[in-house]
Amino acid sequence: MDRRSFLKTSALGGAAAATTALAAPAYAQGKRTLTMVTSWGRGLAGVFDSAQRCADSINAMSDGSLNVEIKAAGELVGAFEVFDAVSSGQADMYHAADYYFVGQHPGYAFFTAVPFGMTAQELVNWYYQDGGMELHDELGQIFGLKSFIAGNTGAQAGGWFSKEINSPEDFNGLKFRMPGLGGKALGKLGASVQNIPGSEVYQALSSGAIDGTEWIGPWADEKAGFQEITKIYYTAGFHEPGAGLSLATNREVFESLTPGQQKIIEIAAAECHQWNLAQFLANNGAALQRLQAGGVKIMEFPDSVWDAFGKASKEVLEENMGDELFKKIHDSAMASMKSSSAWLNMSSGVYTAQRDRVLG
């Protein structure tokens, strides 16, 4: 399906056509105010930090010519409404995980994570050296967005469960929170998959509205308090091996900025990606130790479950190959991942295995 046809058939295309004028960024005393909406509750560990980091960096580097004002989820629009808000001009930019928007186009999953996809390092290799950024831009043009990756959680945990998972059949009927294409794969195993904003997950899990959830990793999960509800935690997951976050600006707004201001947004997003990845990875180890000390049972899925994850994930990816742009993004990402991993496995992979063996 080409982009023009996609717009004609998408709900977003209809919404965009109904919008008569873009909301112009506010001006005051030579400053330009940009409203950033986010998918994150205010103060949500790591992810809201990433949005705040982007805003603070843009404000500082622009020397006052830009002023980004953050609206947390629900303060202007809902967590999953930020895409439409920025595309239509209701807000100027969003910070979110782009796989929330696979309903607009499934290709957006690759700029967060796809099941059995890229690690954080492989993602940035593809994005900055193997055409990923250009494909993100091509996708954004459909919806009037200018997008950059702007944060990363690193490898995400398999999640919190009300019962142990000993076989693929244990997912049948399980009410589980998981967004993106990973959630669609889990649905093929019989799970009742829920897509719930991060700030609402604790309540859903504690009330029994869901039987389990993935969120991010030990540090963010501990901050969210899931260990207060269940003690069964799977630390390795198939769904998000290096989940990127995104900063997207309304394209007309972005093109109205000076070249210097445009570059500031690009650089702020790139710096935020690395800062945020370090934030998660630096905090996860100590948080996992605290969770274990508090009685959390650390578990790994058996091979039969991993095999089922793999089969379902391949089916989900294959189902979207009829979309020309999805296939183009998929093929580019997978080729880059294969190339990157070949070297990483033989260099740093061997090194870390030997380091652990030698140092005990």
Protein backbone atom coordinates (compact mmCIF):
# COMPACT_ATOMS: atom_id res chain seq x y z
CA MET A 1 0.00 0.00 0.00
CA ASP A 2 1.46 3.40 -0.95
CA ARG A 3 1.43 6.34 1.40
CA ARG A 4 -1.34 8.24 -0.41
CA SER A 5 -3.65 5.24 -0.28
CA PHE A 6 -2.76 4.64 3.35
CA LEU A 7 -3.78 8.17 4.30
CA LYS A 8 -7.09 7.84 2.48
CA THR A 9 -7.98 4.66 4.34
CA SER A 10 -6.68 5.52 7.80
CA ALA A 11 -8.75 7.04 10.54
CA LEU A 12 -5.97 9.51 11.13
CA GLY A 13 -6.17 10.66 7.53
CA GLY A 14 -9.81 11.53 8.08
CA ALA A 15 -9.02 13.35 11.29
CA ALA A 16 -6.24 15.30 9.63
CA ALA A 17 -8.52 16.31 6.76
CA ALA A 18 -11.02 17.65 9.29
CA THR A 19 -8.42 19.91 10.86
CA THR A 20 -8.73 23.35 9.32
CA ALA A 21 -5.61 24.98 10.71
CA LEU A 22 -2.53 24.05 12.66
CA ALA A 23 -2.13 25.54 16.09
CA ALA A 24 0.79 27.94 15.75
CA PRO A 25 3.48 27.82 18.47
CA ALA A 26 3.10 30.64 20.96
CA TYR A 27 5.45 33.61 20.90
CA ALA A 28 6.35 35.83 23.87
CA GLN A 29 9.16 38.38 24.08
CA GLY A 30 11.13 36.75 21.28
CA LYS A 31 10.68 33.26 22.70
CA ARG A 32 8.80 30.51 20.95
CA THR A 33 6.87 28.14 23.19
CA LEU A 34 6.41 24.55 22.02
CA THR A 35 3.91 22.32 23.80
CA MET A 36 5.17 18.75 24.31
CA VAL A 37 2.58 16.11 25.13
CA THR A 38 3.77 12.78 26.47
CA SER A 39 2.53 9.24 26.95
CA TRP A 40 3.96 9.26 30.48
CA GLY A 41 2.46 10.11 33.82
CA ARG A 42 4.34 12.94 35.48
CA GLY A 43 7.33 11.55 37.35
CA LEU A 44 7.08 8.04 35.85
CA ALA A 45 10.59 6.67 36.37
CA GLY A 46 12.88 6.78 33.36
CA VAL A 47 10.36 7.50 30.63
CA PHE A 48 9.12 10.84 31.96
CA ASP A 49 12.74 11.61 32.85
CA SER A 50 13.56 11.14 29.17
CA ALA A 51 10.89 13.59 28.06
CA GLN A 52 12.07 16.10 30.66
CA ARG A 53 15.68 15.68 29.56
CA CYS A 54 14.72 16.44 25.94
CA ALA A 55 12.77 19.53 26.93
CA ASP A 56 15.50 20.83 29.24
CA SER A 57 18.20 20.29 26.62
CA ILE A 58 16.24 22.08 23.90
CA ASN A 59 15.54 24.99 26.22
CA ALA A 60 19.18 25.27 27.31
CA MET A 61 20.81 24.84 23.89
CA SER A 62 18.44 27.33 22.23
CA ASP A 63 19.59 29.97 24.74
CA GLY A 64 16.02 30.90 25.44
CA SER A 65 14.71 31.16 21.89
CA LEU A 66 12.71 27.94 22.38
CA ASN A 67 10.73 27.07 25.46
CA VAL A 68 9.35 23.52 25.57
CA GLU A 69 6.47 23.10 28.00
CA ILE A 70 5.69 19.49 28.99
CA LYS A 71 2.20 18.13 29.42
CA ALA A 72 2.14 14.71 31.08
CA ALA A 73 -0.39 12.08 30.04
CA GLY A 74 -3.88 13.31 30.77
CA GLU A 75 -2.94 16.96 31.28
CA LEU A 76 -3.82 17.96 27.71
CA VAL A 77 -4.54 14.67 25.92
CA GLY A 78 -4.50 11.02 26.92
CA ALA A 79 -1.37 8.86 26.83
CA PHE A 80 -2.28 7.22 23.52
CA GLU A 81 -3.71 10.39 21.94
CA VAL A 82 -0.42 12.26 21.63
CA PHE A 83 0.25 11.09 18.07
CA ASP A 84 -3.03 12.48 16.73
CA ALA A 85 -2.63 15.65 18.78
CA VAL A 86 0.73 16.48 17.19
CA SER A 87 -0.18 15.27 13.71
CA SER A 88 -3.27 17.51 13.70
CA GLY A 89 -1.53 20.50 15.27
CA GLN A 90 -3.29 20.44 18.64
CA ALA A 91 0.19 20.15 20.21
CA ASP A 92 3.65 20.86 18.80
CA MET A 93 5.60 17.73 19.77
CA TYR A 94 5.24 14.45 21.60
CA HIS A 95 7.48 12.12 23.56
CA ALA A 96 6.33 8.51 23.54
CA ALA A 97 7.09 4.97 22.45
CA ASP A 98 6.22 4.82 18.77
CA TYR A 99 4.99 1.24 18.96
CA TYR A 100 1.91 2.62 20.69
CA PHE A 101 0.93 3.84 17.23
CA VAL A 102 1.05 0.64 15.18
CA GLY A 103 -2.65 1.27 14.52
CA GLN A 104 -1.61 4.30 12.45
CA HIS A 105 1.10 2.26 10.70
CA PRO A 106 2.70 -1.03 11.80
CA GLY A 107 6.11 0.23 10.70
CA TYR A 108 6.23 2.44 13.79
CA ALA A 109 7.00 -0.65 15.87
CA PHE A 110 10.58 -0.75 14.58
CA PHE A 111 11.37 2.62 16.16
CA THR A 112 10.56 1.23 19.58
CA ALA A 113 10.97 -2.53 19.38
CA VAL A 114 9.72 -5.60 17.57
CA PRO A 115 9.75 -9.12 19.05
CA PHE A 116 13.13 -10.80 18.57
CA GLY A 117 14.41 -7.52 17.16
CA MET A 118 17.31 -5.22 17.84
CA THR A 119 19.20 -4.54 21.04
CA ALA A 120 19.77 -0.91 22.00
CA GLN A 121 23.20 -0.89 20.34
CA GLU A 122 21.89 -2.54 17.19
CA LEU A 123 19.05 -0.01 17.07
CA VAL A 124 21.38 3.00 17.08
CA ASN A 125 23.66 1.32 14.53
CA TRP A 126 20.70 0.96 12.18
CA TYR A 127 19.24 4.35 12.99
CA TYR A 128 22.36 6.47 12.52
CA GLN A 129 24.41 4.44 10.04
CA ASP A 130 22.16 2.07 8.08
CA GLY A 131 19.16 4.16 7.04
CA GLY A 132 16.86 3.90 10.04
CA MET A 133 16.61 7.64 10.58
CA GLU A 134 15.69 8.21 6.96
CA LEU A 135 12.96 5.57 7.17
CA HIS A 136 11.62 7.14 10.38
CA ASP A 137 11.39 10.40 8.46
CA GLU A 138 9.72 8.75 5.48
CA LEU A 139 7.10 7.27 7.77
CA GLY A 140 6.62 10.59 9.56
CA GLN A 141 5.93 12.40 6.29
CA ILE A 142 2.70 10.42 5.93
CA PHE A 143 1.38 11.92 9.14
CA GLY A 144 2.98 15.36 9.08
CA LEU A 145 5.64 14.55 11.68
CA LYS A 146 9.39 15.00 12.03
CA SER A 147 10.61 12.23 14.34
CA PHE A 148 13.81 11.23 16.14
CA ILE A 149 14.58 8.45 18.59
CA ALA A 150 14.99 10.07 22.01
CA GLY A 151 15.45 7.55 24.80
CA ASN A 152 15.94 3.83 25.32
CA THR A 153 15.06 1.46 28.15
CA GLY A 154 17.53 -1.24 27.14
CA ALA A 155 16.34 -4.85 27.24
CA GLN A 156 12.98 -5.11 28.94
CA ALA A 157 11.94 -7.80 31.40
CA GLY A 158 9.52 -10.60 30.60
CA GLY A 159 7.21 -9.26 33.26
CA TRP A 160 5.20 -9.90 36.40
CA PHE A 161 2.79 -12.81 36.63
CA SER A 162 0.18 -14.06 39.05
CA LYS A 163 1.35 -17.63 38.35
CA GLU A 164 4.43 -19.36 36.99
CA ILE A 165 4.65 -19.96 33.25
CA ASN A 166 5.73 -23.53 32.59
CA SER A 167 4.42 -24.03 29.06
CA PRO A 168 2.94 -22.01 26.18
CA GLU A 169 -0.51 -23.23 27.23
CA ASP A 170 -0.24 -21.20 30.43
CA PHE A 171 -0.83 -18.05 28.38
CA ASN A 172 -4.24 -19.24 27.25
CA GLY A 173 -6.82 -16.86 28.72
CA LEU A 174 -4.20 -14.88 30.65
CA LYS A 175 -5.04 -11.17 30.85
CA PHE A 176 -1.71 -9.52 30.17
CA ARG A 177 -0.54 -5.97 29.47
CA MET A 178 1.82 -5.76 26.49
CA PRO A 179 1.75 -3.12 23.71
CA GLY A 180 3.08 -3.26 20.14
CA LEU A 181 3.72 -6.26 17.95
CA GLY A 182 4.93 -8.23 20.97
CA GLY A 183 1.41 -8.00 22.34
CA LYS A 184 0.00 -9.29 19.06
CA ALA A 185 2.39 -12.24 19.24
CA LEU A 186 1.30 -13.00 22.80
CA GLY A 187 -2.28 -12.92 21.63
CA LYS A 188 -1.51 -15.79 19.28
CA LEU A 189 -0.71 -17.90 22.35
CA GLY A 190 -4.22 -17.28 23.65
CA ALA A 191 -3.52 -14.37 25.98
CA SER A 192 -6.08 -11.60 26.35
CA VAL A 193 -3.71 -8.73 25.61
CA GLN A 194 -4.32 -5.29 27.12
CA ASN A 195 -2.70 -2.01 26.12
CA ILE A 196 -2.78 0.14 29.25
CA PRO A 197 -0.91 3.44 29.81
CA GLY A 198 2.02 3.11 32.19
CA SER A 199 0.48 5.27 34.90
CA GLU A 200 -2.56 2.96 35.05
CA VAL A 201 -0.80 -0.42 35.15
CA TYR A 202 -0.38 -0.70 38.94
CA GLN A 203 -4.09 -0.23 39.57
CA ALA A 204 -5.02 -2.71 36.84
CA LEU A 205 -2.68 -5.35 38.28
CA SER A 206 -3.68 -4.80 41.91
CA SER A 207 -7.40 -4.89 41.09
CA GLY A 208 -7.14 -8.11 39.10
CA ALA A 209 -8.18 -6.43 35.87
CA ILE A 210 -5.01 -8.01 34.46
CA ASP A 211 -3.18 -11.16 35.55
CA GLY A 212 0.25 -9.87 34.64
CA THR A 213 2.19 -7.11 33.00
CA GLU A 214 5.44 -6.21 31.40
CA TRP A 215 6.62 -2.69 32.06
CA ILE A 216 10.33 -1.96 31.63
CA GLY A 217 12.95 -3.49 33.92
CA PRO A 218 13.93 -3.85 37.60
CA TRP A 219 14.46 -0.16 38.39
CA ALA A 220 11.32 1.24 36.76
CA ASP A 221 9.27 -1.77 37.85
CA GLU A 222 10.40 -1.38 41.46
CA LYS A 223 9.50 2.31 41.33
CA ALA A 224 6.06 1.35 39.99
CA GLY A 225 5.60 -1.00 42.97
CA PHE A 226 4.63 -4.20 41.16
CA GLN A 227 6.53 -6.25 43.75
CA GLU A 228 3.84 -5.24 46.23
CA ILE A 229 1.29 -7.23 44.22
CA THR A 230 3.11 -10.33 42.98
CA LYS A 231 6.49 -11.94 43.58
CA ILE A 232 6.84 -13.81 40.25
CA TYR A 233 9.17 -11.92 37.88
CA TYR A 234 10.60 -13.05 34.56
CA THR A 235 13.72 -11.02 33.83
CA ALA A 236 14.21 -11.77 30.12
CA GLY A 237 11.55 -11.06 27.52
CA PHE A 238 11.19 -11.58 23.78
CA HIS A 239 9.23 -8.45 23.03
CA GLU A 240 11.55 -5.46 23.61
CA PRO A 241 15.29 -6.22 23.49
CA GLY A 242 16.20 -2.53 23.25
CA ALA A 243 13.14 -0.30 23.32
CA GLY A 244 13.61 3.14 21.78
CA LEU A 245 11.53 6.18 22.70
CA SER A 246 10.72 8.96 20.24
CA LEU A 247 10.45 12.73 20.06
CA ALA A 248 8.20 13.85 17.19
CA THR A 249 7.45 17.43 16.15
CA ASN A 250 4.59 18.56 13.95
CA ARG A 251 6.27 18.83 10.56
CA GLU A 252 4.98 22.29 9.69
CA VAL A 253 6.11 23.54 13.07
CA PHE A 254 9.52 21.90 12.64
CA GLU A 255 9.99 23.39 9.16
CA SER A 256 9.09 26.86 10.48
CA LEU A 257 12.03 26.74 12.90
CA THR A 258 15.46 28.08 12.02
CA PRO A 259 18.07 25.53 10.83
CA GLY A 260 19.85 26.00 14.14
CA GLN A 261 16.72 25.28 16.14
CA GLN A 262 16.01 22.20 14.05
CA LYS A 263 19.51 20.90 14.73
CA ILE A 264 19.06 21.57 18.45
CA ILE A 265 16.00 19.28 18.51
CA GLU A 266 17.88 16.57 16.60
CA ILE A 267 20.91 16.75 18.90
CA ALA A 268 18.80 16.90 22.06
CA ALA A 269 16.99 13.73 20.99
CA ALA A 270 20.23 11.86 20.24
CA GLU A 271 21.83 12.88 23.54
CA CYS A 272 18.67 11.94 25.40
CA HIS A 273 18.76 8.45 23.88
CA GLN A 274 22.19 7.73 25.30
CA TRP A 275 21.56 9.44 28.63
CA ASN A 276 18.30 7.58 29.17
CA LEU A 277 19.78 4.20 28.20
CA ALA A 278 22.57 4.74 30.73
CA GLN A 279 20.01 5.77 33.34
CA PHE A 280 18.08 2.51 33.02
CA LEU A 281 21.10 0.22 32.78
CA ALA A 282 22.96 1.88 35.65
CA ASN A 283 20.00 1.42 37.99
CA ASN A 284 18.71 -2.04 37.03
CA GLY A 285 21.32 -4.18 38.78
CA ALA A 286 20.91 -2.67 42.22
CA ALA A 287 17.14 -2.64 41.87
CA LEU A 288 17.11 -6.35 40.99
CA GLN A 289 19.11 -7.10 44.14
CA ARG A 290 16.59 -5.16 46.23
CA LEU A 291 13.68 -7.01 44.61
CA GLN A 292 15.29 -10.37 45.34
CA ALA A 293 16.01 -9.36 48.93
CA GLY A 294 12.34 -8.46 49.24
CA GLY A 295 11.23 -11.95 48.25
CA VAL A 296 10.70 -11.60 44.51
CA LYS A 297 11.25 -14.89 42.70
CA ILE A 298 13.48 -14.34 39.66
CA MET A 299 12.58 -16.68 36.82
CA GLU A 300 13.32 -17.53 33.19
CA PHE A 301 10.88 -18.86 30.62
CA PRO A 302 11.50 -22.49 29.58
CA ASP A 303 12.70 -23.22 26.05
CA SER A 304 9.25 -24.41 24.96
CA VAL A 305 7.86 -20.96 25.76
CA TRP A 306 10.70 -19.21 23.95
CA ASP A 307 10.00 -21.41 20.90
CA ALA A 308 6.33 -20.45 21.02
CA PHE A 309 7.27 -16.77 21.30
CA GLY A 310 9.45 -17.15 18.22
CA LYS A 311 6.81 -18.88 16.12
CA ALA A 312 4.14 -16.33 17.03
CA SER A 313 6.48 -13.39 16.41
CA LYS A 314 7.36 -14.61 12.92
CA GLU A 315 3.65 -14.91 12.13
CA VAL A 316 2.95 -11.35 13.28
CA LEU A 317 5.77 -9.89 11.21
CA GLU A 318 4.73 -11.90 8.15
CA GLU A 319 1.13 -10.68 8.42
CA ASN A 320 2.30 -7.10 7.85
CA MET A 321 4.59 -7.79 4.89
CA GLY A 322 1.84 -6.86 2.43
CA ASP A 323 2.38 -3.22 3.37
CA GLU A 324 5.17 -1.95 1.13
CA LEU A 325 6.63 0.52 3.60
CA PHE A 326 6.48 -1.97 6.49
CA LYS A 327 8.42 -4.49 4.40
CA LYS A 328 10.95 -1.83 3.45
CA ILE A 329 11.53 -0.89 7.09
CA HIS A 330 11.59 -4.54 8.19
CA ASP A 331 14.13 -5.59 5.58
CA SER A 332 16.39 -2.64 6.35
CA ALA A 333 16.28 -3.22 10.11
CA MET A 334 16.86 -6.97 9.87
CA ALA A 335 19.78 -6.60 7.45
CA SER A 336 21.43 -4.07 9.76
CA MET A 337 20.79 -6.23 12.83
CA LYS A 338 22.33 -9.28 11.18
CA SER A 339 25.41 -7.33 10.16
CA SER A 340 25.86 -5.66 13.55
CA SER A 341 25.28 -8.79 15.60
CA ALA A 342 27.80 -10.78 13.59
CA TRP A 343 30.60 -8.53 14.81
CA LEU A 344 29.22 -7.86 18.29
CA ASN A 345 28.89 -11.58 19.01
CA MET A 346 32.49 -12.26 17.97
CA SER A 347 33.96 -9.26 19.80
CA SER A 348 32.18 -7.92 22.87
CA GLY A 349 30.08 -11.07 23.23
CA VAL A 350 33.14 -13.30 23.49
CA TYR A 351 34.91 -10.77 25.69
CA THR A 352 32.13 -10.49 28.27
CA ALA A 353 31.76 -14.28 28.46
CA GLN A 354 35.49 -14.65 29.05
CA ARG A 355 35.54 -11.76 31.51
CA ASP A 356 32.81 -13.40 33.58
CA ARG A 357 34.68 -16.72 33.45
CA VAL A 358 38.07 -15.27 34.40
CA LEU A 359 36.82 -12.94 37.11
CA GLY A 360 34.27 -15.42 38.42
